[in-house]
Amino acid sequence: MSINQILSILWRRLWLVLIGLVATVVGAAVVLAVVPPRYEAKATASIDTARADPVTGDSSASSARGLMGGLMALIESQRIATDVVRRLNLTSDPQLTQQYLASGASGQLGINEWIAQSINKNVDAKSMDGTNVIEIHYRSPSPIQAALVANTYLASFEDAVLDLKVSAAQQTAAWLEPQLEKMRADLEASRDKLTKFQRDTQLLAPGAGGDTDISPLLSTGTDLSSAKAQLLTLQSQLAAIDSGQGASTSLLDSPVLTSLKSSMASVASDLGRLRTELGANNPKVQALLATQKSLQEQMSVELGTIRRTASMRMKALQDQINTLQGNYSDQYGKMINVQAQRDQLASLQREVAFRQEQLDVASKNAASAKMQGQLSFSNITTLDNATPPTSPTFPKIPLVAGLALGAGLGLGVIFALIAEALDRRIRVVNDLNYSTDVPLLGVIAKVRRKAIRRSKDKGFSLSLPSAQR
């Protein structure tokens, strides 16, 4: 269907288009007359999320997004709505009372809760993107009531935020009070246990007297090592003497033995010289031999004395070693016991320090909670109170009028096209192409009456298609 056909249809059925337009405009006018206007008032507040807590010094800037979401949920909560009902004394409004009784909810909800739910449907909390500003919107048929309820919502919200913070702090302080008493009792018990242990063990501190206690053990260990070394030296020297290799041992350094060795060397030298000069049977040679034998006997006696002295010394050293080993074992055991006592003392002192630190932290938190429970301000600042709006947000007459005109024209066009589809007529030449397959022979032009009178003598004007002339 061409544009000319559509325009022809709309022109011929213009009355249907006008009916649709008029009906829509009348309907819009009725809606504007019947539906009560809705006014929306707005109150704004700023949330200082970066402000540090005046008591603890903590800042909630890191969780600003979650904080803003929680605050907006608080604004739209039943708690705030109920408080608004109480502040405005809405339960005494006869109209609201009648609506409550007519709703049939009197057996399920109290009038406070019912009115709170009703007004809560008209409140909307919004957060401006990129800012810490919260907007409270309230819709009402009365502009004055819209502003009044919006401002009351804002005031109730500010008080609720402070009350929640103060109540939480007071509950924390009340809970911490008995905990502090228990912590103090535990600290005193730990201190008493530490004092009793120090008195029983006579230890002052884990590291006190450490060098003094270990010095006897070290001295005994040194003496034991020295005695073992001396015993080993004597044993090796006696073994060397018995094997005839003890010429350089310290046991043979006695003056008597040294003198005998010197005499033996002198006699041996004289004996060798005289044997060469006088012969082996010379009386002088024989006398020197007798002297040499006597010296050898004396040396044997002296060596025996040295062996006995060394044996006695070895026995004394062995006894000393046994005694020192016993002392060392006893002192080592005592050191182990003392070290265990010191470890236990350190454990008790750590327990006392831990309980003291725990008590200090809890006391600080309790003091902080008590101070927070006495706060009289919050981090919420009122920016703008709501004022009665001068124009309604719904319905907006220009918008409704424009929509009514557009919808009316559209509805009229639809009516005209539907009527044409149900009662199809030939209006232009092209309509014949859709209604029949018969070839077009000609078109009788439409002329006015005056033109007909002028052309009576000329006859009718016949226009034939060029294809059939």
Protein backbone atom coordinates (compact mmCIF):
# COMPACT_ATOMS: atom_id res chain seq x y z
CA MET A 1 0.00 0.00 0.00
CA SER A 2 1.43 3.33 -1.08
CA ILE A 3 1.58 6.54 0.88
CA ASN A 4 -1.08 8.10 -1.34
CA GLN A 5 -3.46 5.25 -0.59
CA ILE A 6 -2.88 5.57 3.15
CA LEU A 7 -3.40 9.34 3.04
CA SER A 8 -6.55 8.85 0.98
CA ILE A 9 -7.90 6.35 3.50
CA LEU A 10 -7.12 8.65 6.44
CA TRP A 11 -8.71 11.61 4.67
CA ARG A 12 -11.89 9.68 3.87
CA ARG A 13 -12.09 8.30 7.39
CA LEU A 14 -10.91 11.41 9.16
CA TRP A 15 -13.89 11.26 11.45
CA LEU A 16 -12.56 7.98 12.96
CA VAL A 17 -9.14 9.57 13.56
CA LEU A 18 -10.81 12.52 15.26
CA ILE A 19 -12.94 10.20 17.39
CA GLY A 20 -9.81 8.32 18.60
CA LEU A 21 -7.99 11.59 19.28
CA VAL A 22 -10.91 13.16 21.14
CA ALA A 23 -11.53 9.98 23.17
CA THR A 24 -7.89 9.80 24.24
CA VAL A 25 -7.71 13.49 25.12
CA VAL A 26 -10.96 13.26 27.08
CA GLY A 27 -9.66 10.17 28.89
CA ALA A 28 -6.42 11.99 29.76
CA ALA A 29 -8.43 14.97 31.00
CA VAL A 30 -10.55 12.67 33.16
CA VAL A 31 -7.40 11.08 34.58
CA LEU A 32 -5.95 14.50 35.35
CA ALA A 33 -9.19 15.49 37.04
CA VAL A 34 -9.67 12.28 39.03
CA VAL A 35 -6.12 11.23 39.98
CA PRO A 36 -4.82 13.34 42.88
CA PRO A 37 -1.51 15.06 42.26
CA ARG A 38 1.64 13.64 43.85
CA TYR A 39 4.22 16.01 45.29
CA GLU A 40 7.78 14.92 46.06
CA ALA A 41 9.92 16.68 48.68
CA LYS A 42 13.64 16.10 49.08
CA ALA A 43 15.92 16.44 52.13
CA THR A 44 19.69 15.90 51.85
CA ALA A 45 22.44 15.05 54.32
CA SER A 46 26.21 14.55 54.05
CA ILE A 47 27.97 11.54 55.55
CA ASP A 48 31.56 12.28 56.55
CA THR A 49 33.03 8.79 56.11
CA ALA A 50 36.62 10.07 56.36
CA ARG A 51 36.16 11.63 59.81
CA ALA A 52 38.08 9.71 62.47
CA ASP A 53 36.18 8.40 65.45
CA PRO A 54 36.55 10.99 68.24
CA VAL A 55 37.19 8.23 70.79
CA THR A 56 39.09 5.44 69.01
CA GLY A 57 40.63 7.49 66.21
CA ASP A 58 39.59 4.88 63.64
CA SER A 59 38.33 5.94 60.22
CA SER A 60 35.72 4.11 58.16
CA ALA A 61 36.77 5.57 54.79
CA SER A 62 37.89 2.15 53.52
CA SER A 63 34.33 0.79 53.81
CA ALA A 64 32.45 3.90 52.62
CA ARG A 65 30.44 2.03 50.00
CA GLY A 66 29.15 -0.54 52.45
CA LEU A 67 28.46 2.20 55.00
CA MET A 68 26.36 4.21 52.54
CA GLY A 69 24.37 1.11 51.60
CA GLY A 70 23.67 0.34 55.24
CA LEU A 71 22.58 3.92 55.95
CA MET A 72 20.15 3.94 53.03
CA ALA A 73 18.70 0.64 54.22
CA LEU A 74 18.27 2.21 57.65
CA ILE A 75 16.34 5.14 56.16
CA GLU A 76 13.84 2.78 54.52
CA SER A 77 13.59 0.53 57.58
CA GLN A 78 10.50 -0.04 59.69
CA ARG A 79 12.33 1.42 62.68
CA ILE A 80 12.64 4.88 61.12
CA ALA A 81 9.08 4.78 59.78
CA THR A 82 7.69 3.88 63.22
CA ASP A 83 9.64 6.71 64.80
CA VAL A 84 8.29 9.14 62.18
CA VAL A 85 4.74 8.02 63.01
CA ARG A 86 5.44 8.68 66.68
CA ARG A 87 7.03 12.10 66.08
CA LEU A 88 4.22 13.32 63.82
CA ASN A 89 1.51 11.69 65.96
CA LEU A 90 -0.04 10.21 62.83
CA THR A 91 -2.10 7.73 64.86
CA SER A 92 -4.39 10.60 65.84
CA ASP A 93 -5.20 11.40 62.19
CA PRO A 94 -8.89 10.42 61.68
CA GLN A 95 -8.41 9.74 57.97
CA LEU A 96 -5.52 7.34 58.59
CA THR A 97 -7.46 5.69 61.39
CA GLN A 98 -10.42 5.07 59.08
CA GLN A 99 -8.12 3.69 56.39
CA TYR A 100 -6.53 1.40 58.95
CA LEU A 101 -9.90 0.06 60.12
CA ALA A 102 -11.08 -0.40 56.54
CA SER A 103 -7.92 -2.28 55.54
CA GLY A 104 -8.77 -5.29 57.70
CA ALA A 105 -5.24 -5.39 59.13
CA SER A 106 -6.32 -4.45 62.65
CA GLY A 107 -6.11 -8.05 63.77
CA GLN A 108 -2.58 -8.52 62.43
CA LEU A 109 -0.82 -5.17 62.82
CA GLY A 110 -1.08 -2.32 65.25
CA ILE A 111 -1.98 1.07 63.89
CA ASN A 112 1.60 2.31 64.37
CA GLU A 113 3.04 -0.52 62.27
CA TRP A 114 0.34 -0.19 59.61
CA ILE A 115 0.84 3.55 59.18
CA ALA A 116 4.62 3.03 59.21
CA GLN A 117 4.32 0.51 56.38
CA SER A 118 2.06 2.87 54.47
CA ILE A 119 4.35 5.88 54.62
CA ASN A 120 7.41 3.72 54.03
CA LYS A 121 6.07 2.88 50.56
CA ASN A 122 6.38 6.55 49.60
CA VAL A 123 9.93 7.12 50.84
CA ASP A 124 12.99 6.61 48.67
CA ALA A 125 16.62 6.96 49.80
CA LYS A 126 19.24 7.66 47.15
CA SER A 127 22.99 8.14 47.21
CA MET A 128 24.49 10.60 44.75
CA ASP A 129 27.17 8.87 42.70
CA GLY A 130 30.70 9.93 43.53
CA THR A 131 29.66 11.75 46.71
CA ASN A 132 28.78 10.99 50.31
CA VAL A 133 25.43 12.78 50.03
CA ILE A 134 22.19 10.95 50.81
CA GLU A 135 18.85 12.19 49.48
CA ILE A 136 15.55 11.35 51.19
CA HIS A 137 12.56 11.65 48.83
CA TYR A 138 8.98 11.47 50.06
CA ARG A 139 5.83 11.53 47.89
CA SER A 140 2.45 12.77 49.14
CA PRO A 141 -0.74 14.37 47.75
CA SER A 142 0.01 17.37 49.95
CA PRO A 143 3.20 19.39 49.31
CA ILE A 144 3.31 20.52 52.94
CA GLN A 145 2.98 16.97 54.22
CA ALA A 146 5.64 15.76 51.77
CA ALA A 147 8.16 18.30 53.11
CA LEU A 148 7.17 17.65 56.73
CA VAL A 149 7.54 13.87 56.47
CA ALA A 150 10.83 14.14 54.53
CA ASN A 151 12.33 16.41 57.19
CA THR A 152 11.04 14.13 59.95
CA TYR A 153 12.62 11.14 58.20
CA LEU A 154 15.93 13.01 58.07
CA ALA A 155 15.80 13.98 61.75
CA SER A 156 14.81 10.47 62.79
CA PHE A 157 17.58 9.01 60.63
CA GLU A 158 20.25 11.23 62.22
CA ASP A 159 19.05 10.36 65.72
CA ALA A 160 18.85 6.64 64.85
CA VAL A 161 22.44 6.56 63.58
CA LEU A 162 23.67 8.19 66.78
CA ASP A 163 21.44 5.98 68.92
CA LEU A 164 22.69 2.81 67.20
CA LYS A 165 26.29 3.83 67.76
CA VAL A 166 25.69 4.82 71.38
CA SER A 167 23.61 1.71 72.12
CA ALA A 168 26.25 -0.59 70.64
CA ALA A 169 28.95 1.14 72.69
CA GLN A 170 26.89 0.90 75.88
CA GLN A 171 26.22 -2.80 75.29
CA THR A 172 29.93 -3.37 74.69
CA ALA A 173 30.84 -1.51 77.88
CA ALA A 174 28.26 -3.49 79.88
CA TRP A 175 29.57 -6.77 78.49
CA LEU A 176 33.21 -5.86 79.15
CA GLU A 177 32.66 -4.94 82.82
CA PRO A 178 32.35 -8.53 84.17
CA GLN A 179 35.04 -9.65 81.73
CA LEU A 180 37.42 -7.10 83.24
CA GLU A 181 36.73 -8.41 86.73
CA LYS A 182 37.51 -11.96 85.61
CA MET A 183 40.69 -10.79 83.86
CA ARG A 184 41.84 -9.00 87.00
CA ALA A 185 41.22 -12.13 89.08
CA ASP A 186 43.13 -14.26 86.55
CA LEU A 187 46.02 -11.77 86.61
CA GLU A 188 46.21 -11.83 90.42
CA ALA A 189 46.13 -15.66 90.41
CA SER A 190 48.99 -15.76 87.88
CA ARG A 191 51.02 -13.30 89.94
CA ASP A 192 50.47 -15.30 93.14
CA LYS A 193 51.51 -18.49 91.36
CA LEU A 194 54.68 -16.80 90.09
CA THR A 195 55.57 -15.40 93.52
CA LYS A 196 55.09 -18.79 95.22
CA PHE A 197 57.25 -20.52 92.62
CA GLN A 198 60.03 -17.94 93.05
CA ARG A 199 59.95 -18.40 96.82
CA ASP A 200 60.07 -22.20 96.54
CA THR A 201 62.90 -22.25 93.99
CA GLN A 202 64.66 -19.08 95.18
CA LEU A 203 64.92 -17.87 91.59
CA LEU A 204 64.50 -14.21 90.78
CA ALA A 205 64.46 -14.31 87.02
CA PRO A 206 65.08 -16.81 84.22
CA GLY A 207 68.57 -15.44 83.48
CA ALA A 208 69.60 -14.34 87.00
CA GLY A 209 72.77 -16.02 88.37
CA GLY A 210 73.37 -18.02 85.20
CA ASP A 211 77.18 -17.55 85.16
CA THR A 212 77.47 -18.17 88.91
CA ASP A 213 75.57 -21.44 88.67
CA ILE A 214 77.54 -22.79 85.73
CA SER A 215 81.02 -21.77 87.00
CA PRO A 216 81.41 -24.74 89.44
CA LEU A 217 80.41 -27.13 86.67
CA LEU A 218 82.97 -25.63 84.31
CA SER A 219 85.68 -25.67 87.02
CA THR A 220 84.97 -29.31 87.86
CA GLY A 221 85.10 -30.21 84.16
CA THR A 222 88.47 -28.47 83.82
CA ASP A 223 89.91 -30.27 86.87
CA LEU A 224 88.61 -33.61 85.59
CA SER A 225 90.23 -33.11 82.20
CA SER A 226 93.54 -32.10 83.82
CA ALA A 227 93.55 -35.16 86.13
CA LYS A 228 92.84 -37.49 83.22
CA ALA A 229 95.68 -35.91 81.22
CA GLN A 230 98.12 -36.32 84.15
CA LEU A 231 97.11 -39.95 84.63
CA LEU A 232 97.60 -40.69 80.96
CA THR A 233 101.07 -39.02 81.06
CA LEU A 234 102.17 -41.10 84.08
CA GLN A 235 100.91 -44.28 82.48
CA SER A 236 102.83 -43.60 79.26
CA GLN A 237 106.03 -42.68 81.18
CA LEU A 238 105.91 -45.88 83.27
CA ALA A 239 105.37 -47.92 80.14
CA ALA A 240 108.41 -46.24 78.57
CA ILE A 241 110.56 -46.96 81.67
CA ASP A 242 109.50 -50.61 81.72
CA SER A 243 110.37 -50.97 78.04
CA GLY A 244 113.80 -49.36 78.58
CA GLN A 245 112.88 -46.22 76.57
CA GLY A 246 112.43 -43.88 79.53
CA ALA A 247 115.66 -41.93 79.22
CA SER A 248 113.80 -38.73 78.44
CA THR A 249 110.81 -39.10 80.72
CA SER A 250 110.19 -36.56 83.47
CA LEU A 251 110.08 -39.36 86.07
CA LEU A 252 113.86 -39.82 85.66
CA ASP A 253 114.62 -36.19 86.44
CA SER A 254 115.21 -36.78 90.19
CA PRO A 255 118.57 -35.39 91.57
CA VAL A 256 119.68 -38.77 92.94
CA LEU A 257 119.11 -40.53 89.68
CA THR A 258 120.78 -37.72 87.79
CA SER A 259 123.86 -37.96 90.04
CA LEU A 260 123.99 -41.73 89.63
CA LYS A 261 123.77 -41.38 85.87
CA SER A 262 126.64 -38.88 85.92
CA SER A 263 128.76 -41.17 88.09
CA MET A 264 127.97 -44.12 85.85
CA ALA A 265 129.07 -42.16 82.81
CA SER A 266 132.33 -41.13 84.49
CA VAL A 267 133.08 -44.70 85.66
CA ALA A 268 132.30 -46.06 82.22
CA SER A 269 134.67 -43.55 80.64
CA ASP A 270 137.50 -44.34 83.10
CA LEU A 271 136.87 -48.04 82.77
CA GLY A 272 137.24 -47.93 79.02
CA ARG A 273 140.44 -45.91 79.19
CA LEU A 274 142.10 -48.08 81.90
CA ARG A 275 141.20 -51.29 80.13
CA THR A 276 143.10 -50.05 77.15
CA GLU A 277 146.07 -48.84 79.15
CA LEU A 278 146.34 -51.38 82.01
CA GLY A 279 144.37 -54.41 80.89
CA ALA A 280 141.24 -56.02 82.20
CA ASN A 281 142.88 -57.67 85.23
CA ASN A 282 144.42 -54.56 86.65
CA PRO A 283 143.30 -53.88 90.24
CA LYS A 284 142.16 -50.38 89.22
CA VAL A 285 140.03 -51.83 86.53
CA GLN A 286 138.53 -54.29 88.96
CA ALA A 287 137.86 -51.53 91.44
CA LEU A 288 136.05 -49.51 88.76
CA LEU A 289 133.98 -52.57 87.86
CA ALA A 290 132.95 -52.95 91.49
CA THR A 291 132.07 -49.26 91.62
CA GLN A 292 130.04 -49.61 88.39
CA LYS A 293 128.09 -52.54 89.82
CA SER A 294 127.38 -50.61 93.00
CA LEU A 295 126.11 -47.68 90.98
CA GLN A 296 123.85 -49.97 88.93
CA GLU A 297 122.36 -51.42 92.09
CA GLN A 298 121.72 -47.93 93.42
CA MET A 299 120.04 -46.97 90.14
CA SER A 300 117.84 -50.08 90.31
CA VAL A 301 116.81 -49.13 93.85
CA GLU A 302 116.12 -45.53 92.74
CA LEU A 303 114.06 -46.69 89.77
CA GLY A 304 112.00 -48.92 92.05
CA THR A 305 111.38 -45.97 94.30
CA ILE A 306 110.33 -43.88 91.29
CA ARG A 307 107.96 -46.65 90.13
CA ARG A 308 106.32 -46.89 93.54
CA THR A 309 105.98 -43.12 93.78
CA ALA A 310 104.46 -43.00 90.29
CA SER A 311 102.05 -45.84 91.13
CA MET A 312 100.91 -44.06 94.26
CA ARG A 313 100.46 -40.86 92.28
CA MET A 314 98.49 -42.72 89.63
CA LYS A 315 96.22 -44.19 92.29
CA ALA A 316 95.70 -40.74 93.80
CA LEU A 317 94.89 -39.34 90.36
CA GLN A 318 92.42 -42.17 89.71
CA ASP A 319 90.69 -41.48 93.01
CA GLN A 320 90.61 -37.78 92.15
CA ILE A 321 89.15 -38.57 88.74
CA ASN A 322 86.41 -40.72 90.29
CA THR A 323 85.58 -37.98 92.77
CA LEU A 324 85.54 -35.29 90.09
CA GLN A 325 83.31 -37.42 87.84
CA GLY A 326 80.82 -37.85 90.67
CA ASN A 327 80.87 -34.13 91.40
CA TYR A 328 80.47 -33.33 87.73
CA SER A 329 77.45 -35.61 87.38
CA ASP A 330 75.83 -34.12 90.48
CA GLN A 331 76.43 -30.56 89.34
CA TYR A 332 75.21 -31.36 85.83
CA GLY A 333 71.98 -32.81 87.24
CA LYS A 334 71.51 -29.73 89.39
CA MET A 335 72.03 -27.50 86.37
CA ILE A 336 69.37 -29.44 84.45
CA ASN A 337 66.93 -29.03 87.35
CA VAL A 338 67.73 -25.34 87.65
CA GLN A 339 67.27 -24.85 83.91
CA ALA A 340 63.89 -26.58 84.03
CA GLN A 341 62.90 -24.34 86.93
CA ARG A 342 64.03 -21.28 84.97
CA ASP A 343 61.99 -22.39 81.95
CA GLN A 344 58.95 -22.80 84.18
CA LEU A 345 59.66 -19.40 85.73
CA ALA A 346 59.86 -17.85 82.26
CA SER A 347 56.56 -19.52 81.33
CA LEU A 348 54.90 -18.12 84.45
CA GLN A 349 56.27 -14.66 83.74
CA ARG A 350 55.00 -14.82 80.15
CA GLU A 351 51.59 -15.82 81.44
CA VAL A 352 51.56 -12.83 83.80
CA ALA A 353 52.67 -10.51 80.99
CA PHE A 354 50.01 -11.92 78.64
CA ARG A 355 47.22 -11.50 81.17
CA GLN A 356 48.44 -7.98 81.95
CA GLU A 357 48.43 -7.06 78.27
CA GLN A 358 45.01 -8.67 77.84
CA LEU A 359 43.67 -6.65 80.76
CA ASP A 360 45.19 -3.43 79.42
CA VAL A 361 43.60 -3.91 75.99
CA ALA A 362 40.22 -4.79 77.49
CA SER A 363 40.40 -1.81 79.86
CA LYS A 364 41.19 0.49 76.94
CA ASN A 365 38.28 -0.91 74.93
CA ALA A 366 35.94 -0.57 77.90
CA ALA A 367 36.96 3.05 78.45
CA SER A 368 36.53 3.73 74.73
CA ALA A 369 33.08 2.10 74.75
CA LYS A 370 32.02 4.16 77.77
CA MET A 371 33.08 7.37 76.04
CA GLN A 372 31.32 6.36 72.82
CA GLY A 373 28.20 5.66 74.87
CA GLN A 374 28.21 9.32 75.91
CA LEU A 375 28.55 10.82 72.42
CA SER A 376 25.98 13.44 71.49
CA PHE A 377 26.90 13.96 67.82
CA SER A 378 27.51 11.84 64.73
CA ASN A 379 29.24 12.21 61.37
CA ILE A 380 25.98 13.15 59.59
CA THR A 381 25.36 16.78 58.64
CA THR A 382 22.09 18.15 57.28
CA LEU A 383 22.67 19.92 53.97
CA ASP A 384 19.15 20.96 52.96
CA ASN A 385 15.81 20.55 54.67
CA ALA A 386 12.86 19.72 52.46
CA THR A 387 10.63 22.58 51.36
CA PRO A 388 7.04 22.22 50.04
CA PRO A 389 7.30 21.62 46.27
CA THR A 390 5.45 24.05 44.01
CA SER A 391 4.64 21.61 41.21
CA PRO A 392 3.57 17.98 41.33
CA THR A 393 5.80 15.21 40.09
CA PHE A 394 2.72 13.29 38.91
CA PRO A 395 0.77 13.88 36.82
CA LYS A 396 2.72 16.40 34.71
CA ILE A 397 0.16 18.15 32.48
CA PRO A 398 2.48 18.89 29.50
CA LEU A 399 3.74 15.33 29.47
CA VAL A 400 0.25 13.85 29.81
CA ALA A 401 -1.09 16.17 27.09
CA GLY A 402 1.69 15.25 24.71
CA LEU A 403 1.23 11.55 25.36
CA ALA A 404 -2.57 11.90 24.96
CA LEU A 405 -2.21 13.65 21.59
CA GLY A 406 0.29 11.14 20.33
CA ALA A 407 -1.66 8.15 21.60
CA GLY A 408 -4.97 9.64 20.27
CA LEU A 409 -3.57 10.17 16.79
CA GLY A 410 -2.08 6.71 16.78
CA LEU A 411 -5.32 5.16 18.00
CA GLY A 412 -7.34 7.10 15.38
CA VAL A 413 -5.04 5.94 12.59
CA ILE A 414 -5.39 2.35 13.76
CA PHE A 415 -9.20 2.69 13.85
CA ALA A 416 -9.24 4.14 10.32
CA LEU A 417 -7.03 1.38 8.91
CA ILE A 418 -9.09 -1.33 10.62
CA ALA A 419 -12.33 0.16 9.26
CA GLU A 420 -10.81 0.32 5.77
CA ALA A 421 -9.70 -3.30 6.01
CA LEU A 422 -13.24 -4.35 6.94
CA ASP A 423 -14.91 -2.18 4.26
CA ARG A 424 -12.47 -1.85 1.37
CA ARG A 425 -13.31 0.81 -1.25
CA ILE A 426 -11.82 1.98 -4.55
CA ARG A 427 -10.51 5.47 -3.96
CA VAL A 428 -7.59 5.83 -6.36
CA VAL A 429 -6.52 4.12 -9.55
CA ASN A 430 -3.96 2.00 -7.74
CA ASP A 431 -6.70 0.41 -5.64
CA LEU A 432 -7.85 -1.45 -8.78
CA ASN A 433 -4.51 -3.24 -8.96
CA TYR A 434 -5.16 -4.82 -5.53
CA SER A 435 -8.83 -5.65 -6.09
CA THR A 436 -8.95 -7.17 -9.62
CA ASP A 437 -6.79 -8.49 -12.42
CA VAL A 438 -8.90 -6.78 -15.17
CA PRO A 439 -6.87 -4.37 -17.31
CA LEU A 440 -7.50 -0.68 -16.79
CA LEU A 441 -9.16 0.91 -19.86
CA GLY A 442 -9.43 4.48 -18.74
CA VAL A 443 -10.06 7.00 -16.03
CA ILE A 444 -13.03 9.38 -15.92
CA ALA A 445 -11.69 12.61 -14.58
CA LYS A 446 -13.58 14.32 -11.82
CA VAL A 447 -14.85 17.71 -12.86
CA ARG A 448 -16.78 20.41 -11.12
CA ARG A 449 -20.41 21.25 -11.94
CA LYS A 450 -19.48 24.53 -13.61
CA ALA A 451 -17.03 22.78 -15.82
CA ILE A 452 -19.74 20.30 -16.81
CA ARG A 453 -22.09 23.11 -17.87
CA ARG A 454 -19.41 24.72 -19.97
CA SER A 455 -18.60 21.46 -21.70
CA LYS A 456 -22.15 20.23 -22.45
CA ASP A 457 -21.66 20.68 -26.09
CA LYS A 458 -18.20 19.13 -26.00
CA GLY A 459 -19.15 15.86 -24.26
CA PHE A 460 -17.29 14.00 -21.63
CA SER A 461 -13.52 13.99 -21.44
CA LEU A 462 -12.15 10.50 -21.74
CA SER A 463 -8.57 9.73 -20.78
CA LEU A 464 -7.18 6.43 -21.99
CA PRO A 465 -4.00 4.81 -20.80
CA SER A 466 -1.19 5.27 -23.26
CA ALA A 467 -0.84 1.53 -23.64
CA GLN A 468 -4.39 1.16 -25.01
CA ARG A 469 -4.77 4.17 -27.26
